[in-house]
């Protein structure tokens, strides 16, 4: 079957091993000084390890692969201890993988592990866990993408996280969404950012000049187009020349995608005005 799964560029991998503890399924191991995916069955394709690779050696790609097996993943991590199992359950919950989460609890119960206690421990709690890792829906909106209780000056941000390295392309907030890909500086320069740019859109932010691992960005955007099937893509950048790199990343992703999708570009001036807004850029 074809599915989204990680691929490791051996030439880029420096053997630091930072990805190993950040794979909740234990699908990565160090072999001959390089990180390796030890089995397709163990990789759920959510890319939790990607943001922890300083060399940008790990990407998501759609390829022929065996289907992910929650049973195999648990058999792999249970011997590593209850803390690893707990982290795995948190990973599934944070990425809204309800079916796998329930399957995991059933498997754990059958093995005599107190799944009820683990379920209680992994329930979201205010202030619990790392907010950068947990996928969260923030505002309730109607089908038109308009707040159900409009409030002047209210935030239009509907989900978390938003940084392109941290977000999961398969999170529910991106499915069929209108995506705003925004340079980091835009919200600071443009005073009407929430009401005129962000309203009704899912958000991803990045800096084309300072962020490392931008090949990961291209792959995540391709997955958003092909797998999450975003409805539209708006790229908001500043007028400074280096910011056009973000548009270039979006164009690379569109070129690599199997679906056709147009890009709308919005350029914000340093003094806070919209300089131009173009659609149908290829």
C-alpha atoms as a PDB file:
ATOM      1  CA  UNK A   1       0.000   0.000   0.000  1.00  0.00           C
ATOM      2  CA  UNK A   2       1.048   3.613  -0.485  1.00  0.00           C
ATOM      3  CA  UNK A   3       1.100   5.751   2.634  1.00  0.00           C
ATOM      4  CA  UNK A   4       2.966   8.633   4.263  1.00  0.00           C
ATOM      5  CA  UNK A   5       6.013   7.429   6.193  1.00  0.00           C
ATOM      6  CA  UNK A   6       9.407   8.806   7.208  1.00  0.00           C
ATOM      7  CA  UNK A   7      12.552   8.464   5.113  1.00  0.00           C
ATOM      8  CA  UNK A   8      16.063   9.108   6.429  1.00  0.00           C
ATOM      9  CA  UNK A   9      18.743  10.619   4.186  1.00  0.00           C
ATOM     10  CA  UNK A  10      21.821   8.666   5.258  1.00  0.00           C
ATOM     11  CA  UNK A  11      24.165  11.253   3.731  1.00  0.00           C
ATOM     12  CA  UNK A  12      22.705  14.022   5.918  1.00  0.00           C
ATOM     13  CA  UNK A  13      22.458  11.990   9.133  1.00  0.00           C
ATOM     14  CA  UNK A  14      25.368  12.847  11.461  1.00  0.00           C
ATOM     15  CA  UNK A  15      24.578  10.095  13.966  1.00  0.00           C
ATOM     16  CA  UNK A  16      23.624  12.463  16.803  1.00  0.00           C
ATOM     17  CA  UNK A  17      20.777  10.147  17.854  1.00  0.00           C
ATOM     18  CA  UNK A  18      18.408  12.960  18.902  1.00  0.00           C
ATOM     19  CA  UNK A  19      15.602  11.392  16.883  1.00  0.00           C
ATOM     20  CA  UNK A  20      15.776   8.055  18.722  1.00  0.00           C
ATOM     21  CA  UNK A  21      14.125   9.074  22.034  1.00  0.00           C
ATOM     22  CA  UNK A  22      11.641  11.222  20.119  1.00  0.00           C
ATOM     23  CA  UNK A  23      10.088   8.322  18.207  1.00  0.00           C
ATOM     24  CA  UNK A  24       7.156   7.181  20.394  1.00  0.00           C
ATOM     25  CA  UNK A  25       6.979   3.819  18.614  1.00  0.00           C
ATOM     26  CA  UNK A  26      10.664   2.926  18.927  1.00  0.00           C
ATOM     27  CA  UNK A  27      10.905   2.649  15.141  1.00  0.00           C
ATOM     28  CA  UNK A  28      14.382   4.226  14.967  1.00  0.00           C
ATOM     29  CA  UNK A  29      17.707   2.716  15.975  1.00  0.00           C
ATOM     30  CA  UNK A  30      21.355   3.652  15.590  1.00  0.00           C
ATOM     31  CA  UNK A  31      23.017   1.194  13.187  1.00  0.00           C
ATOM     32  CA  UNK A  32      26.619   1.680  12.075  1.00  0.00           C
ATOM     33  CA  UNK A  33      26.558   5.245  13.365  1.00  0.00           C
ATOM     34  CA  UNK A  34      23.410   6.273  11.479  1.00  0.00           C
ATOM     35  CA  UNK A  35      19.746   6.515  12.459  1.00  0.00           C
ATOM     36  CA  UNK A  36      17.694   3.859  10.672  1.00  0.00           C
ATOM     37  CA  UNK A  37      14.001   3.043  10.391  1.00  0.00           C
ATOM     38  CA  UNK A  38      13.916  -0.537  11.632  1.00  0.00           C
ATOM     39  CA  UNK A  39      10.518  -1.394  10.188  1.00  0.00           C
ATOM     40  CA  UNK A  40       7.625   0.187   8.282  1.00  0.00           C
ATOM     41  CA  UNK A  41       5.184  -1.547  10.657  1.00  0.00           C
ATOM     42  CA  UNK A  42       6.488   0.585  13.537  1.00  0.00           C
ATOM     43  CA  UNK A  43       6.241   4.018  11.850  1.00  0.00           C
ATOM     44  CA  UNK A  44       2.855   5.736  12.074  1.00  0.00           C
ATOM     45  CA  UNK A  45       3.908   8.478   9.649  1.00  0.00           C
ATOM     46  CA  UNK A  46       3.059  11.349  11.996  1.00  0.00           C
ATOM     47  CA  UNK A  47       6.631  12.636  11.953  1.00  0.00           C
ATOM     48  CA  UNK A  48       7.166  13.236  15.688  1.00  0.00           C
ATOM     49  CA  UNK A  49      10.903  12.714  15.150  1.00  0.00           C
ATOM     50  CA  UNK A  50      11.330  15.246  12.336  1.00  0.00           C
ATOM     51  CA  UNK A  51      11.651  18.421  14.382  1.00  0.00           C
ATOM     52  CA  UNK A  52      14.389  16.834  16.511  1.00  0.00           C
ATOM     53  CA  UNK A  53      16.808  16.248  13.621  1.00  0.00           C
ATOM     54  CA  UNK A  54      19.270  19.172  13.447  1.00  0.00           C
ATOM     55  CA  UNK A  55      20.443  18.148   9.969  1.00  0.00           C
ATOM     56  CA  UNK A  56      17.052  17.881   8.278  1.00  0.00           C
ATOM     57  CA  UNK A  57      17.808  14.254   7.435  1.00  0.00           C
ATOM     58  CA  UNK A  58      14.289  12.978   8.142  1.00  0.00           C
ATOM     59  CA  UNK A  59      11.374  13.757   5.852  1.00  0.00           C
ATOM     60  CA  UNK A  60       7.875  12.458   5.279  1.00  0.00           C
ATOM     61  CA  UNK A  61       7.176  10.912   1.909  1.00  0.00           C
ATOM     62  CA  UNK A  62       4.424   8.902   0.282  1.00  0.00           C
ATOM     63  CA  UNK A  63       5.735   5.531  -0.806  1.00  0.00           C
ATOM     64  CA  UNK A  64       4.969   1.831  -0.841  1.00  0.00           C
ATOM     65  CA  UNK A  65       5.116   0.642   2.769  1.00  0.00           C
ATOM     66  CA  UNK A  66       3.570  -1.902   5.060  1.00  0.00           C
ATOM     67  CA  UNK A  67       0.629  -0.530   7.076  1.00  0.00           C
ATOM     68  CA  UNK A  68       1.424   0.753  10.563  1.00  0.00           C
ATOM     69  CA  UNK A  69       0.717  -1.842  13.287  1.00  0.00           C
ATOM     70  CA  UNK A  70      -0.201  -0.583  16.751  1.00  0.00           C
ATOM     71  CA  UNK A  71       0.233  -4.123  18.061  1.00  0.00           C
ATOM     72  CA  UNK A  72       3.793  -4.359  16.729  1.00  0.00           C
ATOM     73  CA  UNK A  73       4.630  -0.900  18.059  1.00  0.00           C
ATOM     74  CA  UNK A  74       3.469  -1.830  21.567  1.00  0.00           C
ATOM     75  CA  UNK A  75       5.358  -5.133  21.474  1.00  0.00           C
ATOM     76  CA  UNK A  76       8.437  -3.091  20.609  1.00  0.00           C
ATOM     77  CA  UNK A  77       8.122  -0.520  23.405  1.00  0.00           C
ATOM     78  CA  UNK A  78       6.499  -2.420  26.320  1.00  0.00           C
ATOM     79  CA  UNK A  79       9.850  -4.023  27.278  1.00  0.00           C
ATOM     80  CA  UNK A  80      11.305  -0.509  27.550  1.00  0.00           C
ATOM     81  CA  UNK A  81       9.103   0.303  30.535  1.00  0.00           C
ATOM     82  CA  UNK A  82       5.854   1.968  31.514  1.00  0.00           C
ATOM     83  CA  UNK A  83       7.182   5.509  31.006  1.00  0.00           C
ATOM     84  CA  UNK A  84       7.821   4.745  27.330  1.00  0.00           C
ATOM     85  CA  UNK A  85       4.328   3.254  26.985  1.00  0.00           C
ATOM     86  CA  UNK A  86       2.846   6.339  28.624  1.00  0.00           C
ATOM     87  CA  UNK A  87       4.743   8.624  26.215  1.00  0.00           C
ATOM     88  CA  UNK A  88       3.438   6.566  23.303  1.00  0.00           C
ATOM     89  CA  UNK A  89      -0.164   6.974  24.475  1.00  0.00           C
ATOM     90  CA  UNK A  90       0.368  10.711  24.874  1.00  0.00           C
ATOM     91  CA  UNK A  91       1.719  10.832  21.319  1.00  0.00           C
ATOM     92  CA  UNK A  92      -1.390   9.107  19.962  1.00  0.00           C
ATOM     93  CA  UNK A  93      -3.716  11.369  21.935  1.00  0.00           C
ATOM     94  CA  UNK A  94      -1.863  14.564  20.982  1.00  0.00           C
ATOM     95  CA  UNK A  95      -2.166  13.654  17.303  1.00  0.00           C
ATOM     96  CA  UNK A  96      -5.852  12.750  17.575  1.00  0.00           C
ATOM     97  CA  UNK A  97      -5.275   9.091  16.694  1.00  0.00           C
ATOM     98  CA  UNK A  98      -8.374   7.884  18.559  1.00  0.00           C
ATOM     99  CA  UNK A  99      -8.602   4.475  16.846  1.00  0.00           C
ATOM    100  CA  UNK A 100      -4.971   3.581  17.559  1.00  0.00           C
ATOM    101  CA  UNK A 101      -5.297   4.938  21.102  1.00  0.00           C
ATOM    102  CA  UNK A 102      -8.281   2.714  21.877  1.00  0.00           C
ATOM    103  CA  UNK A 103      -6.557  -0.257  20.242  1.00  0.00           C
ATOM    104  CA  UNK A 104      -3.505   0.364  22.420  1.00  0.00           C
ATOM    105  CA  UNK A 105      -5.609   0.388  25.604  1.00  0.00           C
ATOM    106  CA  UNK A 106      -7.239  -2.897  24.579  1.00  0.00           C
ATOM    107  CA  UNK A 107      -3.865  -4.533  23.896  1.00  0.00           C
ATOM    108  CA  UNK A 108      -2.426  -3.280  27.184  1.00  0.00           C
ATOM    109  CA  UNK A 109      -5.425  -4.596  29.142  1.00  0.00           C
ATOM    110  CA  UNK A 110      -5.064  -8.009  27.484  1.00  0.00           C
ATOM    111  CA  UNK A 111      -1.437  -8.076  28.625  1.00  0.00           C
ATOM    112  CA  UNK A 112      -2.443  -7.382  32.215  1.00  0.00           C
ATOM    113  CA  UNK A 113      -1.237  -3.767  32.184  1.00  0.00           C
ATOM    114  CA  UNK A 114      -3.477  -1.287  33.999  1.00  0.00           C
ATOM    115  CA  UNK A 115      -4.728   0.520  30.878  1.00  0.00           C
ATOM    116  CA  UNK A 116      -7.406   2.362  32.861  1.00  0.00           C
ATOM    117  CA  UNK A 117      -4.764   3.999  35.028  1.00  0.00           C
ATOM    118  CA  UNK A 118      -2.658   4.902  31.990  1.00  0.00           C
ATOM    119  CA  UNK A 119      -5.719   6.339  30.255  1.00  0.00           C
ATOM    120  CA  UNK A 120      -6.371   8.591  33.243  1.00  0.00           C
ATOM    121  CA  UNK A 121      -2.732   9.669  33.320  1.00  0.00           C
ATOM    122  CA  UNK A 122      -2.712  10.624  29.645  1.00  0.00           C
ATOM    123  CA  UNK A 123      -5.931  12.638  29.743  1.00  0.00           C
ATOM    124  CA  UNK A 124      -5.201  16.293  28.856  1.00  0.00           C
ATOM    125  CA  UNK A 125      -4.761  18.502  31.906  1.00  0.00           C
ATOM    126  CA  UNK A 126      -4.422  22.303  32.063  1.00  0.00           C
ATOM    127  CA  UNK A 127      -0.761  23.168  31.805  1.00  0.00           C
ATOM    128  CA  UNK A 128       0.237  19.511  31.421  1.00  0.00           C
ATOM    129  CA  UNK A 129       2.746  18.365  28.824  1.00  0.00           C
ATOM    130  CA  UNK A 130       4.603  20.398  26.264  1.00  0.00           C
ATOM    131  CA  UNK A 131       2.282  22.822  24.438  1.00  0.00           C
ATOM    132  CA  UNK A 132       4.580  22.741  21.435  1.00  0.00           C
ATOM    133  CA  UNK A 133       3.985  19.031  20.922  1.00  0.00           C
ATOM    134  CA  UNK A 134       0.250  18.733  21.576  1.00  0.00           C
ATOM    135  CA  UNK A 135      -2.183  19.264  18.722  1.00  0.00           C
ATOM    136  CA  UNK A 136      -5.048  21.402  20.053  1.00  0.00           C
ATOM    137  CA  UNK A 137      -8.172  23.022  18.631  1.00  0.00           C
ATOM    138  CA  UNK A 138      -8.648  26.442  20.216  1.00  0.00           C
ATOM    139  CA  UNK A 139     -11.791  28.129  18.906  1.00  0.00           C
ATOM    140  CA  UNK A 140     -15.150  26.612  17.972  1.00  0.00           C
ATOM    141  CA  UNK A 141     -16.233  27.776  14.512  1.00  0.00           C
ATOM    142  CA  UNK A 142     -19.187  27.147  12.278  1.00  0.00           C
ATOM    143  CA  UNK A 143     -18.891  25.538   8.857  1.00  0.00           C
ATOM    144  CA  UNK A 144     -18.106  28.867   7.208  1.00  0.00           C
ATOM    145  CA  UNK A 145     -15.014  29.302   9.373  1.00  0.00           C
ATOM    146  CA  UNK A 146     -16.569  32.222  11.233  1.00  0.00           C
ATOM    147  CA  UNK A 147     -16.401  32.376  15.056  1.00  0.00           C
ATOM    148  CA  UNK A 148     -19.716  31.286  16.555  1.00  0.00           C
ATOM    149  CA  UNK A 149     -19.580  34.222  18.942  1.00  0.00           C
ATOM    150  CA  UNK A 150     -17.766  37.036  17.092  1.00  0.00           C
ATOM    151  CA  UNK A 151     -15.840  39.378  19.341  1.00  0.00           C
ATOM    152  CA  UNK A 152     -14.100  42.515  18.020  1.00  0.00           C
ATOM    153  CA  UNK A 153     -10.356  42.157  18.310  1.00  0.00           C
ATOM    154  CA  UNK A 154     -10.564  38.454  19.203  1.00  0.00           C
ATOM    155  CA  UNK A 155      -7.865  36.005  18.155  1.00  0.00           C
ATOM    156  CA  UNK A 156      -8.611  34.107  14.940  1.00  0.00           C
ATOM    157  CA  UNK A 157      -6.139  31.324  15.768  1.00  0.00           C
ATOM    158  CA  UNK A 158      -8.033  28.032  15.783  1.00  0.00           C
ATOM    159  CA  UNK A 159      -5.320  25.489  16.606  1.00  0.00           C
ATOM    160  CA  UNK A 160      -1.865  24.768  17.998  1.00  0.00           C
ATOM    161  CA  UNK A 161       0.982  24.239  17.123  1.00  0.00           C
ATOM    162  CA  UNK A 162       1.546  26.525  14.145  1.00  0.00           C
ATOM    163  CA  UNK A 163       5.322  26.370  13.523  1.00  0.00           C
ATOM    164  CA  UNK A 164       5.876  24.309  10.384  1.00  0.00           C
ATOM    165  CA  UNK A 165       8.492  22.035  11.986  1.00  0.00           C
ATOM    166  CA  UNK A 166       6.133  21.170  14.866  1.00  0.00           C
ATOM    167  CA  UNK A 167       2.764  20.698  13.196  1.00  0.00           C
ATOM    168  CA  UNK A 168       1.432  17.389  11.919  1.00  0.00           C
ATOM    169  CA  UNK A 169       0.087  17.698   8.347  1.00  0.00           C
ATOM    170  CA  UNK A 170      -2.492  15.023   9.121  1.00  0.00           C
ATOM    171  CA  UNK A 171      -3.968  16.812  12.160  1.00  0.00           C
ATOM    172  CA  UNK A 172      -7.720  17.344  11.739  1.00  0.00           C
ATOM    173  CA  UNK A 173      -7.486  21.136  11.607  1.00  0.00           C
ATOM    174  CA  UNK A 174      -5.693  20.922   8.247  1.00  0.00           C
ATOM    175  CA  UNK A 175      -8.023  18.487   6.494  1.00  0.00           C
ATOM    176  CA  UNK A 176      -9.624  20.331   3.558  1.00  0.00           C
ATOM    177  CA  UNK A 177      -8.627  23.662   5.114  1.00  0.00           C
ATOM    178  CA  UNK A 178      -7.728  26.986   3.568  1.00  0.00           C
ATOM    179  CA  UNK A 179      -4.073  27.247   4.637  1.00  0.00           C
ATOM    180  CA  UNK A 180      -2.234  30.469   5.438  1.00  0.00           C
ATOM    181  CA  UNK A 181       1.533  29.956   5.200  1.00  0.00           C
ATOM    182  CA  UNK A 182       2.950  32.986   6.923  1.00  0.00           C
ATOM    183  CA  UNK A 183       6.437  34.417   7.390  1.00  0.00           C
ATOM    184  CA  UNK A 184       7.220  34.916  11.078  1.00  0.00           C
ATOM    185  CA  UNK A 185       7.413  38.731  10.865  1.00  0.00           C
ATOM    186  CA  UNK A 186       4.067  39.314   9.129  1.00  0.00           C
ATOM    187  CA  UNK A 187       1.799  39.283  12.242  1.00  0.00           C
ATOM    188  CA  UNK A 188       4.045  41.867  13.923  1.00  0.00           C
ATOM    189  CA  UNK A 189       4.053  44.235  10.944  1.00  0.00           C
ATOM    190  CA  UNK A 190       0.438  43.937   9.786  1.00  0.00           C
ATOM    191  CA  UNK A 191      -2.035  45.295  12.371  1.00  0.00           C
ATOM    192  CA  UNK A 192      -5.101  43.588  10.850  1.00  0.00           C
ATOM    193  CA  UNK A 193      -3.450  40.170  10.628  1.00  0.00           C
ATOM    194  CA  UNK A 194      -6.132  38.258  12.570  1.00  0.00           C
ATOM    195  CA  UNK A 195      -9.207  39.834  11.023  1.00  0.00           C
ATOM    196  CA  UNK A 196      -8.055  40.183   7.399  1.00  0.00           C
ATOM    197  CA  UNK A 197      -5.501  37.418   6.832  1.00  0.00           C
ATOM    198  CA  UNK A 198      -6.032  34.653   9.384  1.00  0.00           C
ATOM    199  CA  UNK A 199      -9.825  34.580   9.728  1.00  0.00           C
ATOM    200  CA  UNK A 200     -11.246  31.282   8.444  1.00  0.00           C
ATOM    201  CA  UNK A 201      -7.828  29.764   7.744  1.00  0.00           C
ATOM    202  CA  UNK A 202      -5.526  27.189   9.303  1.00  0.00           C
ATOM    203  CA  UNK A 203      -2.080  28.626  10.032  1.00  0.00           C
ATOM    204  CA  UNK A 204       1.512  27.512   9.484  1.00  0.00           C
ATOM    205  CA  UNK A 205       4.454  29.845  10.158  1.00  0.00           C
ATOM    206  CA  UNK A 206       8.098  29.708   9.074  1.00  0.00           C
ATOM    207  CA  UNK A 207      11.124  31.903   8.411  1.00  0.00           C
ATOM    208  CA  UNK A 208      12.742  31.258   5.027  1.00  0.00           C
ATOM    209  CA  UNK A 209      15.989  32.958   6.086  1.00  0.00           C
ATOM    210  CA  UNK A 210      16.669  31.593   9.583  1.00  0.00           C
ATOM    211  CA  UNK A 211      14.938  28.190   9.790  1.00  0.00           C
ATOM    212  CA  UNK A 212      17.005  25.047   9.203  1.00  0.00           C
ATOM    213  CA  UNK A 213      15.762  21.891   7.492  1.00  0.00           C
ATOM    214  CA  UNK A 214      13.677  23.632   4.827  1.00  0.00           C
ATOM    215  CA  UNK A 215      13.482  20.475   2.710  1.00  0.00           C
ATOM    216  CA  UNK A 216      11.250  19.223   5.537  1.00  0.00           C
ATOM    217  CA  UNK A 217       9.025  22.237   4.934  1.00  0.00           C
ATOM    218  CA  UNK A 218       8.636  21.366   1.258  1.00  0.00           C
ATOM    219  CA  UNK A 219       7.683  17.787   2.117  1.00  0.00           C
ATOM    220  CA  UNK A 220       5.197  18.826   4.820  1.00  0.00           C
ATOM    221  CA  UNK A 221       3.537  21.267   2.430  1.00  0.00           C
ATOM    222  CA  UNK A 222       3.330  18.529  -0.213  1.00  0.00           C
ATOM    223  CA  UNK A 223       1.641  16.231   2.313  1.00  0.00           C
ATOM    224  CA  UNK A 224      -0.773  19.027   3.217  1.00  0.00           C
ATOM    225  CA  UNK A 225      -1.675  19.336  -0.463  1.00  0.00           C
ATOM    226  CA  UNK A 226      -1.835  15.637  -1.362  1.00  0.00           C
ATOM    227  CA  UNK A 227      -2.870  13.957   1.897  1.00  0.00           C
ATOM    228  CA  UNK A 228      -4.647  16.625   3.957  1.00  0.00           C
ATOM    229  CA  UNK A 229      -6.078  17.948   0.668  1.00  0.00           C
ATOM    230  CA  UNK A 230      -6.020  21.584   1.676  1.00  0.00           C
ATOM    231  CA  UNK A 231      -8.495  23.662  -0.288  1.00  0.00           C
ATOM    232  CA  UNK A 232      -6.312  26.715  -0.880  1.00  0.00           C
ATOM    233  CA  UNK A 233      -2.841  28.057  -0.063  1.00  0.00           C
ATOM    234  CA  UNK A 234      -2.128  31.698   0.764  1.00  0.00           C
ATOM    235  CA  UNK A 235       1.500  32.713   1.316  1.00  0.00           C
ATOM    236  CA  UNK A 236       1.944  35.905   3.356  1.00  0.00           C
ATOM    237  CA  UNK A 237       5.430  37.420   3.270  1.00  0.00           C
ATOM    238  CA  UNK A 238       7.205  40.682   4.002  1.00  0.00           C
ATOM    239  CA  UNK A 239       8.487  42.991   1.268  1.00  0.00           C
ATOM    240  CA  UNK A 240      12.144  42.208   2.083  1.00  0.00           C
ATOM    241  CA  UNK A 241      13.867  40.050  -0.584  1.00  0.00           C
ATOM    242  CA  UNK A 242      14.780  37.125   1.691  1.00  0.00           C
ATOM    243  CA  UNK A 243      11.108  36.585   2.501  1.00  0.00           C
ATOM    244  CA  UNK A 244      10.414  35.447  -1.050  1.00  0.00           C
ATOM    245  CA  UNK A 245      12.103  32.209  -0.076  1.00  0.00           C
ATOM    246  CA  UNK A 246       8.863  31.176   1.620  1.00  0.00           C
ATOM    247  CA  UNK A 247       6.977  31.558  -1.650  1.00  0.00           C
ATOM    248  CA  UNK A 248       9.700  29.499  -3.347  1.00  0.00           C
ATOM    249  CA  UNK A 249       9.204  26.699  -0.798  1.00  0.00           C
ATOM    250  CA  UNK A 250       5.459  26.703  -1.474  1.00  0.00           C
ATOM    251  CA  UNK A 251       6.068  26.612  -5.222  1.00  0.00           C
ATOM    252  CA  UNK A 252       8.425  23.619  -4.825  1.00  0.00           C
ATOM    253  CA  UNK A 253       5.762  21.782  -2.812  1.00  0.00           C
ATOM    254  CA  UNK A 254       3.077  22.508  -5.414  1.00  0.00           C
ATOM    255  CA  UNK A 255       5.393  21.279  -8.174  1.00  0.00           C
ATOM    256  CA  UNK A 256       6.065  18.046  -6.249  1.00  0.00           C
ATOM    257  CA  UNK A 257       2.405  17.418  -5.384  1.00  0.00           C
ATOM    258  CA  UNK A 258       0.099  15.219  -7.418  1.00  0.00           C
ATOM    259  CA  UNK A 259      -2.870  17.540  -6.814  1.00  0.00           C
ATOM    260  CA  UNK A 260      -3.099  20.880  -8.554  1.00  0.00           C
ATOM    261  CA  UNK A 261      -3.567  23.871  -6.276  1.00  0.00           C
ATOM    262  CA  UNK A 262      -3.095  27.597  -6.883  1.00  0.00           C
ATOM    263  CA  UNK A 263      -1.051  29.852  -4.600  1.00  0.00           C
ATOM    264  CA  UNK A 264      -2.177  33.296  -3.534  1.00  0.00           C
ATOM    265  CA  UNK A 265       0.588  35.682  -2.472  1.00  0.00           C
ATOM    266  CA  UNK A 266       0.147  38.564  -0.042  1.00  0.00           C
ATOM    267  CA  UNK A 267       3.061  40.976   0.456  1.00  0.00           C
ATOM    268  CA  UNK A 268       3.150  43.147   3.586  1.00  0.00           C
ATOM    269  CA  UNK A 269       5.192  46.342   3.728  1.00  0.00           C
ATOM    270  CA  UNK A 270       7.529  47.109   6.601  1.00  0.00           C
ATOM    271  CA  UNK A 271       5.243  50.007   7.528  1.00  0.00           C
ATOM    272  CA  UNK A 272       2.287  47.655   7.897  1.00  0.00           C
ATOM    273  CA  UNK A 273       0.336  47.956   4.659  1.00  0.00           C
ATOM    274  CA  UNK A 274      -0.621  45.349   2.042  1.00  0.00           C
ATOM    275  CA  UNK A 275       1.569  46.067  -0.971  1.00  0.00           C
ATOM    276  CA  UNK A 276      -0.022  43.487  -3.249  1.00  0.00           C
ATOM    277  CA  UNK A 277      -2.174  40.394  -3.219  1.00  0.00           C
ATOM    278  CA  UNK A 278      -1.955  38.091  -6.211  1.00  0.00           C
ATOM    279  CA  UNK A 279      -3.699  34.795  -6.924  1.00  0.00           C
ATOM    280  CA  UNK A 280      -3.002  31.923  -9.253  1.00  0.00           C
ATOM    281  CA  UNK A 281       0.774  32.121  -8.858  1.00  0.00           C
ATOM    282  CA  UNK A 282       2.558  28.992 -10.078  1.00  0.00           C
END
